[in-house]
């Protein structure tokens, strides 16, 4: 019985030590990941598009591939998509965004930039993670176009059936 009591106290002390070791690791995660130029970097992906995104303190200007967002994404829906994470976080006029996007079409590129902005915001201000996660902005949308199969005109479409 005395051995069990001793082992329980030993286990409790080990548990306390383990919790103390875990606590500093949680604090290390919460630190902003900002480079020497005051920017946070993240990669966003959607369909076949990949966006490299940098955010820094500024007036809310978004530049994509060296062009203004109104020029690159002419459709208002795509521009709204870009701004969603910043609006949800309440930071639409506090950060400048510089993005380079390759691959895919305009819709996929807009989704990739949005994903990158969300990840970069979370790295710049870790306390925004809960808000962005709840809005679904940190999750990569993994849906991609299905490949065309041999013997079919499209991915799933069949040729018209002829009875005679």
C-alpha atoms as a PDB file:
ATOM      1  CA  UNK A   1       0.000   0.000   0.000  1.00  0.00           C
ATOM      2  CA  UNK A   2       2.831   2.362   0.852  1.00  0.00           C
ATOM      3  CA  UNK A   3       4.418   1.592  -2.523  1.00  0.00           C
ATOM      4  CA  UNK A   4       1.213   2.572  -4.333  1.00  0.00           C
ATOM      5  CA  UNK A   5       1.061   5.866  -2.423  1.00  0.00           C
ATOM      6  CA  UNK A   6       4.646   6.640  -3.334  1.00  0.00           C
ATOM      7  CA  UNK A   7       4.093   5.801  -6.993  1.00  0.00           C
ATOM      8  CA  UNK A   8       0.981   7.995  -7.133  1.00  0.00           C
ATOM      9  CA  UNK A   9       2.880  10.964  -5.717  1.00  0.00           C
ATOM     10  CA  UNK A  10       5.711  10.295  -8.138  1.00  0.00           C
ATOM     11  CA  UNK A  11       3.225  10.170 -11.023  1.00  0.00           C
ATOM     12  CA  UNK A  12       1.626  13.430  -9.889  1.00  0.00           C
ATOM     13  CA  UNK A  13       5.010  15.151  -9.686  1.00  0.00           C
ATOM     14  CA  UNK A  14       5.905  13.837 -13.151  1.00  0.00           C
ATOM     15  CA  UNK A  15       2.583  15.132 -14.491  1.00  0.00           C
ATOM     16  CA  UNK A  16       3.218  18.587 -13.025  1.00  0.00           C
ATOM     17  CA  UNK A  17       6.705  18.637 -14.582  1.00  0.00           C
ATOM     18  CA  UNK A  18       5.299  17.575 -17.955  1.00  0.00           C
ATOM     19  CA  UNK A  19       2.670  20.346 -17.841  1.00  0.00           C
ATOM     20  CA  UNK A  20       5.362  22.896 -17.034  1.00  0.00           C
ATOM     21  CA  UNK A  21       7.390  21.721 -20.025  1.00  0.00           C
ATOM     22  CA  UNK A  22       4.384  21.903 -22.363  1.00  0.00           C
ATOM     23  CA  UNK A  23       3.360  25.435 -21.287  1.00  0.00           C
ATOM     24  CA  UNK A  24       6.426  27.221 -22.772  1.00  0.00           C
ATOM     25  CA  UNK A  25       5.871  25.430 -26.101  1.00  0.00           C
ATOM     26  CA  UNK A  26       2.333  26.858 -26.287  1.00  0.00           C
ATOM     27  CA  UNK A  27       3.729  30.364 -25.687  1.00  0.00           C
ATOM     28  CA  UNK A  28       6.284  29.847 -28.464  1.00  0.00           C
ATOM     29  CA  UNK A  29       3.465  29.101 -30.947  1.00  0.00           C
ATOM     30  CA  UNK A  30       1.653  32.338 -30.097  1.00  0.00           C
ATOM     31  CA  UNK A  31       4.567  34.577 -31.156  1.00  0.00           C
ATOM     32  CA  UNK A  32       4.119  36.446 -34.441  1.00  0.00           C
ATOM     33  CA  UNK A  33       6.209  35.199 -37.381  1.00  0.00           C
ATOM     34  CA  UNK A  34       7.447  38.517 -38.779  1.00  0.00           C
ATOM     35  CA  UNK A  35      10.605  38.890 -40.880  1.00  0.00           C
ATOM     36  CA  UNK A  36      13.231  41.672 -40.675  1.00  0.00           C
ATOM     37  CA  UNK A  37      11.216  43.869 -43.065  1.00  0.00           C
ATOM     38  CA  UNK A  38       8.114  43.672 -40.858  1.00  0.00           C
ATOM     39  CA  UNK A  39       6.222  41.236 -43.101  1.00  0.00           C
ATOM     40  CA  UNK A  40       4.476  37.923 -42.546  1.00  0.00           C
ATOM     41  CA  UNK A  41       4.650  35.357 -45.379  1.00  0.00           C
ATOM     42  CA  UNK A  42       2.274  32.539 -46.246  1.00  0.00           C
ATOM     43  CA  UNK A  43       1.446  30.311 -49.199  1.00  0.00           C
ATOM     44  CA  UNK A  44      -2.170  29.904 -50.276  1.00  0.00           C
ATOM     45  CA  UNK A  45      -3.544  27.237 -52.602  1.00  0.00           C
ATOM     46  CA  UNK A  46      -6.816  26.631 -54.447  1.00  0.00           C
ATOM     47  CA  UNK A  47      -7.431  24.286 -57.397  1.00  0.00           C
ATOM     48  CA  UNK A  48      -4.205  24.541 -59.462  1.00  0.00           C
ATOM     49  CA  UNK A  49      -3.337  28.075 -58.302  1.00  0.00           C
ATOM     50  CA  UNK A  50      -0.553  28.829 -55.837  1.00  0.00           C
ATOM     51  CA  UNK A  51      -0.203  32.262 -54.222  1.00  0.00           C
ATOM     52  CA  UNK A  52       2.780  33.611 -52.330  1.00  0.00           C
ATOM     53  CA  UNK A  53       1.485  36.321 -49.990  1.00  0.00           C
ATOM     54  CA  UNK A  54       3.266  38.908 -47.843  1.00  0.00           C
ATOM     55  CA  UNK A  55       1.391  41.237 -45.491  1.00  0.00           C
ATOM     56  CA  UNK A  56       2.728  44.255 -43.627  1.00  0.00           C
ATOM     57  CA  UNK A  57       1.298  47.239 -41.781  1.00  0.00           C
ATOM     58  CA  UNK A  58      -0.225  49.726 -44.183  1.00  0.00           C
ATOM     59  CA  UNK A  59      -3.394  51.315 -45.529  1.00  0.00           C
ATOM     60  CA  UNK A  60      -5.170  48.237 -46.938  1.00  0.00           C
ATOM     61  CA  UNK A  61      -3.676  48.241 -50.443  1.00  0.00           C
ATOM     62  CA  UNK A  62      -3.652  44.873 -52.267  1.00  0.00           C
ATOM     63  CA  UNK A  63      -1.177  44.246 -55.093  1.00  0.00           C
ATOM     64  CA  UNK A  64      -1.334  41.038 -57.146  1.00  0.00           C
ATOM     65  CA  UNK A  65       1.488  40.216 -59.601  1.00  0.00           C
ATOM     66  CA  UNK A  66       2.587  43.871 -59.582  1.00  0.00           C
ATOM     67  CA  UNK A  67      -0.895  45.198 -60.431  1.00  0.00           C
ATOM     68  CA  UNK A  68      -3.662  46.729 -58.346  1.00  0.00           C
ATOM     69  CA  UNK A  69      -6.426  44.353 -57.258  1.00  0.00           C
ATOM     70  CA  UNK A  70      -9.023  46.272 -59.347  1.00  0.00           C
ATOM     71  CA  UNK A  71      -6.947  45.706 -62.483  1.00  0.00           C
ATOM     72  CA  UNK A  72      -5.981  42.074 -61.874  1.00  0.00           C
ATOM     73  CA  UNK A  73      -9.346  40.913 -60.486  1.00  0.00           C
ATOM     74  CA  UNK A  74     -11.862  42.957 -62.489  1.00  0.00           C
ATOM     75  CA  UNK A  75     -14.920  41.102 -61.143  1.00  0.00           C
ATOM     76  CA  UNK A  76     -16.245  42.555 -57.868  1.00  0.00           C
ATOM     77  CA  UNK A  77     -16.974  39.050 -56.509  1.00  0.00           C
ATOM     78  CA  UNK A  78     -13.296  38.100 -56.752  1.00  0.00           C
ATOM     79  CA  UNK A  79     -12.211  41.331 -55.030  1.00  0.00           C
ATOM     80  CA  UNK A  80     -14.752  40.649 -52.274  1.00  0.00           C
ATOM     81  CA  UNK A  81     -13.257  37.165 -51.847  1.00  0.00           C
ATOM     82  CA  UNK A  82      -9.786  38.674 -51.342  1.00  0.00           C
ATOM     83  CA  UNK A  83     -10.987  41.009 -48.607  1.00  0.00           C
ATOM     84  CA  UNK A  84     -13.127  38.499 -46.673  1.00  0.00           C
ATOM     85  CA  UNK A  85     -10.492  37.381 -44.128  1.00  0.00           C
ATOM     86  CA  UNK A  86      -9.487  40.967 -43.358  1.00  0.00           C
ATOM     87  CA  UNK A  87     -13.114  42.103 -42.999  1.00  0.00           C
ATOM     88  CA  UNK A  88     -13.958  39.198 -40.677  1.00  0.00           C
ATOM     89  CA  UNK A  89     -10.877  39.987 -38.579  1.00  0.00           C
ATOM     90  CA  UNK A  90     -11.676  43.723 -38.630  1.00  0.00           C
ATOM     91  CA  UNK A  91      -8.323  44.626 -40.216  1.00  0.00           C
ATOM     92  CA  UNK A  92      -9.338  45.761 -43.748  1.00  0.00           C
ATOM     93  CA  UNK A  93      -7.443  49.091 -43.577  1.00  0.00           C
ATOM     94  CA  UNK A  94      -4.498  48.016 -41.417  1.00  0.00           C
ATOM     95  CA  UNK A  95      -2.434  45.779 -43.725  1.00  0.00           C
ATOM     96  CA  UNK A  96      -0.954  46.035 -47.199  1.00  0.00           C
ATOM     97  CA  UNK A  97      -0.908  42.796 -49.186  1.00  0.00           C
ATOM     98  CA  UNK A  98       1.611  41.850 -51.864  1.00  0.00           C
ATOM     99  CA  UNK A  99       0.883  38.598 -53.689  1.00  0.00           C
ATOM    100  CA  UNK A 100       2.307  36.655 -56.613  1.00  0.00           C
ATOM    101  CA  UNK A 101       0.019  34.033 -58.109  1.00  0.00           C
ATOM    102  CA  UNK A 102       0.690  31.298 -60.660  1.00  0.00           C
ATOM    103  CA  UNK A 103      -1.439  28.578 -62.212  1.00  0.00           C
ATOM    104  CA  UNK A 104      -5.170  28.067 -62.529  1.00  0.00           C
ATOM    105  CA  UNK A 105      -7.793  30.584 -63.578  1.00  0.00           C
ATOM    106  CA  UNK A 106      -8.904  33.829 -62.000  1.00  0.00           C
ATOM    107  CA  UNK A 107     -11.359  32.183 -59.602  1.00  0.00           C
ATOM    108  CA  UNK A 108      -8.759  29.706 -58.337  1.00  0.00           C
ATOM    109  CA  UNK A 109      -6.173  32.467 -58.063  1.00  0.00           C
ATOM    110  CA  UNK A 110      -8.536  34.630 -56.004  1.00  0.00           C
ATOM    111  CA  UNK A 111      -9.175  31.676 -53.691  1.00  0.00           C
ATOM    112  CA  UNK A 112      -5.441  31.034 -53.382  1.00  0.00           C
ATOM    113  CA  UNK A 113      -4.731  34.670 -52.483  1.00  0.00           C
ATOM    114  CA  UNK A 114      -7.557  34.607 -49.918  1.00  0.00           C
ATOM    115  CA  UNK A 115      -6.100  31.457 -48.349  1.00  0.00           C
ATOM    116  CA  UNK A 116      -2.641  33.048 -48.278  1.00  0.00           C
ATOM    117  CA  UNK A 117      -3.930  36.287 -46.725  1.00  0.00           C
ATOM    118  CA  UNK A 118      -5.710  34.289 -44.018  1.00  0.00           C
ATOM    119  CA  UNK A 119      -2.593  32.283 -43.154  1.00  0.00           C
ATOM    120  CA  UNK A 120      -0.377  35.388 -43.180  1.00  0.00           C
ATOM    121  CA  UNK A 121      -2.813  37.298 -40.945  1.00  0.00           C
ATOM    122  CA  UNK A 122      -2.780  34.412 -38.505  1.00  0.00           C
ATOM    123  CA  UNK A 123       1.024  34.442 -38.484  1.00  0.00           C
ATOM    124  CA  UNK A 124       1.151  38.232 -38.004  1.00  0.00           C
ATOM    125  CA  UNK A 125      -1.482  38.222 -35.231  1.00  0.00           C
ATOM    126  CA  UNK A 126      -1.846  34.733 -33.682  1.00  0.00           C
ATOM    127  CA  UNK A 127      -4.878  35.824 -31.636  1.00  0.00           C
ATOM    128  CA  UNK A 128      -6.890  36.081 -34.896  1.00  0.00           C
ATOM    129  CA  UNK A 129      -6.614  32.319 -35.451  1.00  0.00           C
ATOM    130  CA  UNK A 130      -9.948  31.501 -33.753  1.00  0.00           C
ATOM    131  CA  UNK A 131     -11.870  34.065 -35.839  1.00  0.00           C
ATOM    132  CA  UNK A 132     -10.274  32.974 -39.122  1.00  0.00           C
ATOM    133  CA  UNK A 133     -10.668  29.273 -38.327  1.00  0.00           C
ATOM    134  CA  UNK A 134     -14.361  29.744 -37.495  1.00  0.00           C
ATOM    135  CA  UNK A 135     -14.874  31.488 -40.851  1.00  0.00           C
ATOM    136  CA  UNK A 136     -13.180  28.558 -42.629  1.00  0.00           C
ATOM    137  CA  UNK A 137     -10.418  30.709 -44.132  1.00  0.00           C
ATOM    138  CA  UNK A 138      -7.462  28.666 -42.858  1.00  0.00           C
ATOM    139  CA  UNK A 139      -8.624  25.415 -44.449  1.00  0.00           C
ATOM    140  CA  UNK A 140      -7.370  24.707 -47.955  1.00  0.00           C
ATOM    141  CA  UNK A 141     -10.245  23.959 -50.319  1.00  0.00           C
ATOM    142  CA  UNK A 142      -9.005  20.660 -51.733  1.00  0.00           C
ATOM    143  CA  UNK A 143     -11.548  20.363 -54.562  1.00  0.00           C
ATOM    144  CA  UNK A 144      -9.842  20.071 -57.949  1.00  0.00           C
ATOM    145  CA  UNK A 145     -11.087  19.271 -61.436  1.00  0.00           C
ATOM    146  CA  UNK A 146     -11.540  15.555 -62.046  1.00  0.00           C
ATOM    147  CA  UNK A 147      -9.404  14.109 -64.825  1.00  0.00           C
ATOM    148  CA  UNK A 148     -10.828  12.984 -68.160  1.00  0.00           C
ATOM    149  CA  UNK A 149     -11.094   9.204 -68.499  1.00  0.00           C
ATOM    150  CA  UNK A 150     -10.124   7.106 -71.507  1.00  0.00           C
ATOM    151  CA  UNK A 151     -13.084   6.123 -73.695  1.00  0.00           C
ATOM    152  CA  UNK A 152     -15.273   9.009 -72.472  1.00  0.00           C
ATOM    153  CA  UNK A 153     -15.790  12.496 -73.890  1.00  0.00           C
ATOM    154  CA  UNK A 154     -15.320  14.147 -70.452  1.00  0.00           C
ATOM    155  CA  UNK A 155     -14.578  12.986 -66.898  1.00  0.00           C
ATOM    156  CA  UNK A 156     -17.912  11.206 -66.401  1.00  0.00           C
ATOM    157  CA  UNK A 157     -19.989  11.922 -69.496  1.00  0.00           C
ATOM    158  CA  UNK A 158     -20.666   8.961 -71.764  1.00  0.00           C
ATOM    159  CA  UNK A 159     -21.196   8.942 -75.493  1.00  0.00           C
ATOM    160  CA  UNK A 160     -24.858   8.883 -76.534  1.00  0.00           C
ATOM    161  CA  UNK A 161     -26.277   5.389 -76.422  1.00  0.00           C
ATOM    162  CA  UNK A 162     -27.623   4.040 -79.715  1.00  0.00           C
ATOM    163  CA  UNK A 163     -30.014   1.092 -79.546  1.00  0.00           C
ATOM    164  CA  UNK A 164     -29.897   0.501 -83.324  1.00  0.00           C
END
